[in-house]
């Protein structure tokens, strides 16, 4: 993917996917959703699998839309919000 960092003599080091465009820089384990990207500015990890979206923030908080439901978990995995997902939720999670 060209995302392993390093310097190949062209003066560019680091992640060539830093703009957040294109496929991600990690491969998921078999059966796991693939990581589409990590936001270079915020460090948020975004996984998209069909209509399901999961964002894991660097502080451990997680936000997920699955089967039309929005769920937010704290860093300890405790659900702090669970409700029907709104269009605003989908737009916000897609913006990461």
N, C-alpha and C. Protein backbone atom coordinates (compact mmCIF):
# COMPACT_ATOMS: atom_id res chain seq x y z
N UNK A 1 0.80 -1.21 0.00
CA UNK A 1 0.00 0.00 0.00
C UNK A 1 0.84 1.27 0.00
N UNK A 2 2.11 1.17 0.22
CA UNK A 2 2.93 2.36 0.28
C UNK A 2 2.77 3.11 1.58
N UNK A 3 2.23 2.46 2.59
CA UNK A 3 1.93 3.14 3.83
C UNK A 3 2.82 2.70 4.97
N UNK A 4 3.93 2.08 4.65
CA UNK A 4 4.77 1.56 5.72
C UNK A 4 5.75 2.59 6.24
N UNK A 5 5.72 3.78 5.68
CA UNK A 5 6.64 4.82 6.14
C UNK A 5 8.01 4.61 5.52
N UNK A 6 8.99 5.18 6.14
CA UNK A 6 10.35 5.03 5.63
C UNK A 6 10.65 6.03 4.54
N UNK A 7 11.87 6.03 4.10
CA UNK A 7 12.32 6.99 3.11
C UNK A 7 12.95 6.24 1.96
N UNK A 8 12.40 6.39 0.79
CA UNK A 8 12.92 5.67 -0.36
C UNK A 8 13.78 6.57 -1.24
N UNK A 9 14.38 7.58 -0.66
CA UNK A 9 15.29 8.43 -1.41
C UNK A 9 14.61 9.55 -2.17
N UNK A 10 13.31 9.68 -2.05
CA UNK A 10 12.62 10.73 -2.78
C UNK A 10 12.25 11.91 -1.89
N UNK A 11 12.74 11.92 -0.68
CA UNK A 11 12.47 13.03 0.22
C UNK A 11 11.14 12.92 0.94
N UNK A 12 10.37 11.89 0.64
CA UNK A 12 9.08 11.71 1.30
C UNK A 12 9.19 10.56 2.29
N UNK A 13 8.96 10.86 3.54
CA UNK A 13 8.94 9.78 4.52
C UNK A 13 7.59 9.75 5.19
N UNK A 14 7.25 8.63 5.73
CA UNK A 14 5.99 8.52 6.44
C UNK A 14 4.89 7.94 5.58
N UNK A 15 3.68 8.23 5.94
CA UNK A 15 2.51 7.60 5.37
C UNK A 15 2.07 8.34 4.11
N UNK A 16 2.11 7.65 2.98
CA UNK A 16 1.67 8.28 1.74
C UNK A 16 0.17 8.46 1.70
N UNK A 17 -0.52 7.91 2.69
CA UNK A 17 -1.97 8.01 2.76
C UNK A 17 -2.41 9.09 3.74
N UNK A 18 -1.51 10.04 4.06
CA UNK A 18 -1.78 11.03 5.09
C UNK A 18 -2.96 11.92 4.76
N UNK A 19 -3.29 12.08 3.50
CA UNK A 19 -4.43 12.90 3.14
C UNK A 19 -5.77 12.23 3.42
N UNK A 20 -5.73 10.97 3.79
CA UNK A 20 -6.96 10.26 4.10
C UNK A 20 -7.68 9.74 2.86
N UNK A 21 -7.04 9.83 1.70
CA UNK A 21 -7.66 9.34 0.48
C UNK A 21 -7.17 7.94 0.18
N UNK A 22 -7.99 7.17 -0.46
CA UNK A 22 -7.58 5.84 -0.86
C UNK A 22 -7.79 4.83 0.25
N UNK A 23 -7.34 3.62 0.01
CA UNK A 23 -7.52 2.55 0.98
C UNK A 23 -6.58 2.73 2.16
N UNK A 24 -6.86 2.04 3.21
CA UNK A 24 -6.15 2.22 4.46
C UNK A 24 -4.77 1.62 4.48
N UNK A 25 -4.13 1.74 5.64
CA UNK A 25 -2.76 1.30 5.76
C UNK A 25 -2.63 0.10 6.68
N UNK A 26 -3.72 -0.57 6.96
CA UNK A 26 -3.65 -1.76 7.81
C UNK A 26 -4.52 -2.84 7.21
N UNK A 27 -4.15 -4.05 7.47
CA UNK A 27 -4.96 -5.19 7.05
C UNK A 27 -5.62 -5.77 8.28
N UNK A 28 -6.91 -6.00 8.22
CA UNK A 28 -7.60 -6.61 9.34
C UNK A 28 -7.33 -8.10 9.39
N UNK A 29 -7.57 -8.70 10.54
CA UNK A 29 -7.48 -10.15 10.65
C UNK A 29 -8.65 -10.76 9.88
N UNK A 30 -8.50 -12.01 9.51
CA UNK A 30 -9.57 -12.69 8.80
C UNK A 30 -10.86 -12.59 9.61
N UNK A 31 -11.93 -12.18 8.95
CA UNK A 31 -13.21 -12.06 9.62
C UNK A 31 -13.45 -10.70 10.23
N UNK A 32 -12.42 -9.88 10.40
CA UNK A 32 -12.59 -8.54 10.95
C UNK A 32 -12.87 -7.56 9.82
N UNK A 33 -13.53 -6.45 10.17
CA UNK A 33 -13.70 -5.38 9.20
C UNK A 33 -12.32 -4.80 8.90
N UNK A 34 -12.12 -4.40 7.66
CA UNK A 34 -10.82 -3.82 7.34
C UNK A 34 -10.77 -2.37 7.79
N UNK A 35 -9.60 -1.91 8.14
CA UNK A 35 -9.42 -0.52 8.52
C UNK A 35 -9.32 0.28 7.23
N UNK A 36 -10.26 1.17 7.01
CA UNK A 36 -10.21 1.97 5.81
C UNK A 36 -9.18 3.07 5.93
N UNK A 37 -9.07 3.67 7.08
CA UNK A 37 -8.02 4.67 7.26
C UNK A 37 -7.89 5.10 8.72
N UNK A 38 -6.76 5.72 8.99
CA UNK A 38 -6.53 6.38 10.26
C UNK A 38 -6.34 7.85 9.93
N UNK A 39 -7.12 8.71 10.56
CA UNK A 39 -7.02 10.15 10.31
C UNK A 39 -5.66 10.64 10.80
N UNK A 40 -4.85 11.18 9.89
CA UNK A 40 -3.49 11.59 10.22
C UNK A 40 -3.46 12.75 11.21
N UNK A 41 -4.49 13.56 11.24
CA UNK A 41 -4.52 14.72 12.14
C UNK A 41 -5.01 14.33 13.53
N UNK A 42 -6.11 13.57 13.58
CA UNK A 42 -6.73 13.26 14.87
C UNK A 42 -6.32 11.91 15.44
N UNK A 43 -5.86 11.01 14.60
CA UNK A 43 -5.52 9.66 15.04
C UNK A 43 -6.72 8.74 15.15
N UNK A 44 -7.90 9.20 14.73
CA UNK A 44 -9.10 8.38 14.78
C UNK A 44 -8.99 7.23 13.77
N UNK A 45 -9.30 6.01 14.21
CA UNK A 45 -9.31 4.84 13.34
C UNK A 45 -10.73 4.62 12.87
N UNK A 46 -10.92 4.53 11.56
CA UNK A 46 -12.25 4.41 10.98
C UNK A 46 -12.36 3.07 10.25
N UNK A 47 -13.39 2.31 10.60
CA UNK A 47 -13.67 1.04 9.94
C UNK A 47 -15.05 1.12 9.31
N UNK A 48 -15.13 0.75 8.04
CA UNK A 48 -16.42 0.75 7.35
C UNK A 48 -16.63 -0.63 6.76
N UNK A 49 -17.77 -1.22 7.06
CA UNK A 49 -18.13 -2.54 6.56
C UNK A 49 -19.58 -2.46 6.10
N UNK A 50 -19.77 -2.22 4.82
CA UNK A 50 -21.12 -2.02 4.30
C UNK A 50 -21.70 -0.74 4.86
N UNK A 51 -22.85 -0.84 5.52
CA UNK A 51 -23.48 0.34 6.12
C UNK A 51 -23.04 0.54 7.56
N UNK A 52 -22.21 -0.34 8.08
CA UNK A 52 -21.73 -0.22 9.45
C UNK A 52 -20.47 0.64 9.48
N UNK A 53 -20.41 1.55 10.43
CA UNK A 53 -19.27 2.45 10.59
C UNK A 53 -18.83 2.40 12.04
N UNK A 54 -17.53 2.29 12.26
CA UNK A 54 -17.00 2.30 13.63
C UNK A 54 -15.80 3.24 13.66
N UNK A 55 -15.82 4.17 14.61
CA UNK A 55 -14.71 5.09 14.81
C UNK A 55 -14.15 4.85 16.21
N UNK A 56 -12.85 4.60 16.27
CA UNK A 56 -12.17 4.45 17.56
C UNK A 56 -11.26 5.65 17.74
N UNK A 57 -11.51 6.43 18.77
CA UNK A 57 -10.73 7.63 19.04
C UNK A 57 -9.46 7.26 19.82
N UNK A 58 -8.41 8.08 19.72
CA UNK A 58 -7.15 7.78 20.41
C UNK A 58 -7.30 7.61 21.93
N UNK A 59 -8.31 8.25 22.51
CA UNK A 59 -8.50 8.14 23.96
C UNK A 59 -9.26 6.87 24.35
N UNK A 60 -9.59 6.03 23.36
CA UNK A 60 -10.26 4.76 23.63
C UNK A 60 -11.77 4.79 23.46
N UNK A 61 -12.35 5.98 23.34
CA UNK A 61 -13.79 6.09 23.10
C UNK A 61 -14.11 5.50 21.73
N UNK A 62 -15.30 4.90 21.61
CA UNK A 62 -15.72 4.31 20.35
C UNK A 62 -17.12 4.78 20.01
N UNK A 63 -17.34 5.03 18.73
CA UNK A 63 -18.66 5.36 18.22
C UNK A 63 -18.94 4.41 17.07
N UNK A 64 -20.17 3.91 17.01
CA UNK A 64 -20.48 2.90 16.00
C UNK A 64 -21.92 3.04 15.54
N UNK A 65 -22.11 2.85 14.25
CA UNK A 65 -23.45 2.70 13.70
C UNK A 65 -23.51 1.29 13.12
N UNK A 66 -24.44 0.50 13.65
CA UNK A 66 -24.60 -0.88 13.21
C UNK A 66 -26.09 -1.20 13.18
N UNK A 67 -26.53 -1.72 12.06
CA UNK A 67 -27.95 -2.08 11.89
C UNK A 67 -28.88 -0.92 12.25
N UNK A 68 -28.48 0.30 11.85
CA UNK A 68 -29.33 1.46 12.07
C UNK A 68 -29.33 2.00 13.49
N UNK A 69 -28.45 1.48 14.34
CA UNK A 69 -28.35 1.92 15.74
C UNK A 69 -27.02 2.62 15.96
N UNK A 70 -27.05 3.72 16.72
CA UNK A 70 -25.84 4.43 17.11
C UNK A 70 -25.48 4.02 18.53
N UNK A 71 -24.21 3.67 18.73
CA UNK A 71 -23.73 3.32 20.07
C UNK A 71 -22.41 4.02 20.32
N UNK A 72 -22.27 4.59 21.51
CA UNK A 72 -21.02 5.19 21.95
C UNK A 72 -20.58 4.45 23.20
N UNK A 73 -19.28 4.10 23.24
CA UNK A 73 -18.72 3.42 24.40
C UNK A 73 -17.58 4.24 24.95
N UNK A 74 -17.41 4.20 26.28
CA UNK A 74 -16.25 4.86 26.87
C UNK A 74 -15.03 3.97 26.70
N UNK A 75 -13.89 4.43 27.18
CA UNK A 75 -12.63 3.72 26.99
C UNK A 75 -12.61 2.36 27.69
N UNK A 76 -13.52 2.15 28.63
CA UNK A 76 -13.59 0.87 29.34
C UNK A 76 -14.61 -0.08 28.72
N UNK A 77 -15.19 0.32 27.58
CA UNK A 77 -16.14 -0.54 26.89
C UNK A 77 -17.56 -0.45 27.39
N UNK A 78 -17.84 0.51 28.28
CA UNK A 78 -19.20 0.68 28.80
C UNK A 78 -20.02 1.51 27.82
N UNK A 79 -21.20 1.05 27.51
CA UNK A 79 -22.09 1.79 26.61
C UNK A 79 -22.62 3.02 27.34
N UNK A 80 -22.40 4.19 26.73
CA UNK A 80 -22.89 5.42 27.35
C UNK A 80 -24.03 6.05 26.55
N UNK A 81 -24.16 5.68 25.26
CA UNK A 81 -25.28 6.13 24.44
C UNK A 81 -25.66 4.96 23.54
N UNK A 82 -26.94 4.67 23.45
CA UNK A 82 -27.44 3.69 22.48
C UNK A 82 -28.83 4.13 22.06
N UNK A 83 -28.99 4.36 20.75
CA UNK A 83 -30.26 4.87 20.23
C UNK A 83 -30.29 4.64 18.73
N UNK A 84 -31.42 4.96 18.13
CA UNK A 84 -31.52 4.90 16.67
C UNK A 84 -30.56 5.92 16.07
N UNK A 85 -29.84 5.51 15.04
CA UNK A 85 -28.90 6.41 14.37
C UNK A 85 -29.67 7.46 13.57
N UNK A 86 -29.13 8.67 13.56
CA UNK A 86 -29.72 9.76 12.77
C UNK A 86 -28.84 10.01 11.55
N UNK A 87 -29.38 10.76 10.60
CA UNK A 87 -28.59 11.14 9.43
C UNK A 87 -27.36 11.95 9.86
N UNK A 88 -27.51 12.75 10.91
CA UNK A 88 -26.38 13.54 11.41
C UNK A 88 -25.28 12.62 11.97
N UNK A 89 -25.67 11.52 12.62
CA UNK A 89 -24.68 10.56 13.12
C UNK A 89 -23.89 9.96 11.96
N UNK A 90 -24.60 9.54 10.93
CA UNK A 90 -23.94 8.94 9.77
C UNK A 90 -22.99 9.94 9.13
N UNK A 91 -23.44 11.18 8.94
CA UNK A 91 -22.58 12.20 8.33
C UNK A 91 -21.35 12.48 9.18
N UNK A 92 -21.53 12.56 10.49
CA UNK A 92 -20.40 12.86 11.38
C UNK A 92 -19.38 11.73 11.37
N UNK A 93 -19.83 10.49 11.49
CA UNK A 93 -18.88 9.38 11.49
C UNK A 93 -18.19 9.22 10.14
N UNK A 94 -18.90 9.52 9.07
CA UNK A 94 -18.27 9.47 7.74
C UNK A 94 -17.27 10.59 7.53
N UNK A 95 -17.32 11.63 8.36
CA UNK A 95 -16.42 12.78 8.18
C UNK A 95 -15.03 12.52 8.75
N UNK A 96 -14.87 11.47 9.56
CA UNK A 96 -13.57 11.19 10.17
C UNK A 96 -12.64 10.67 9.16
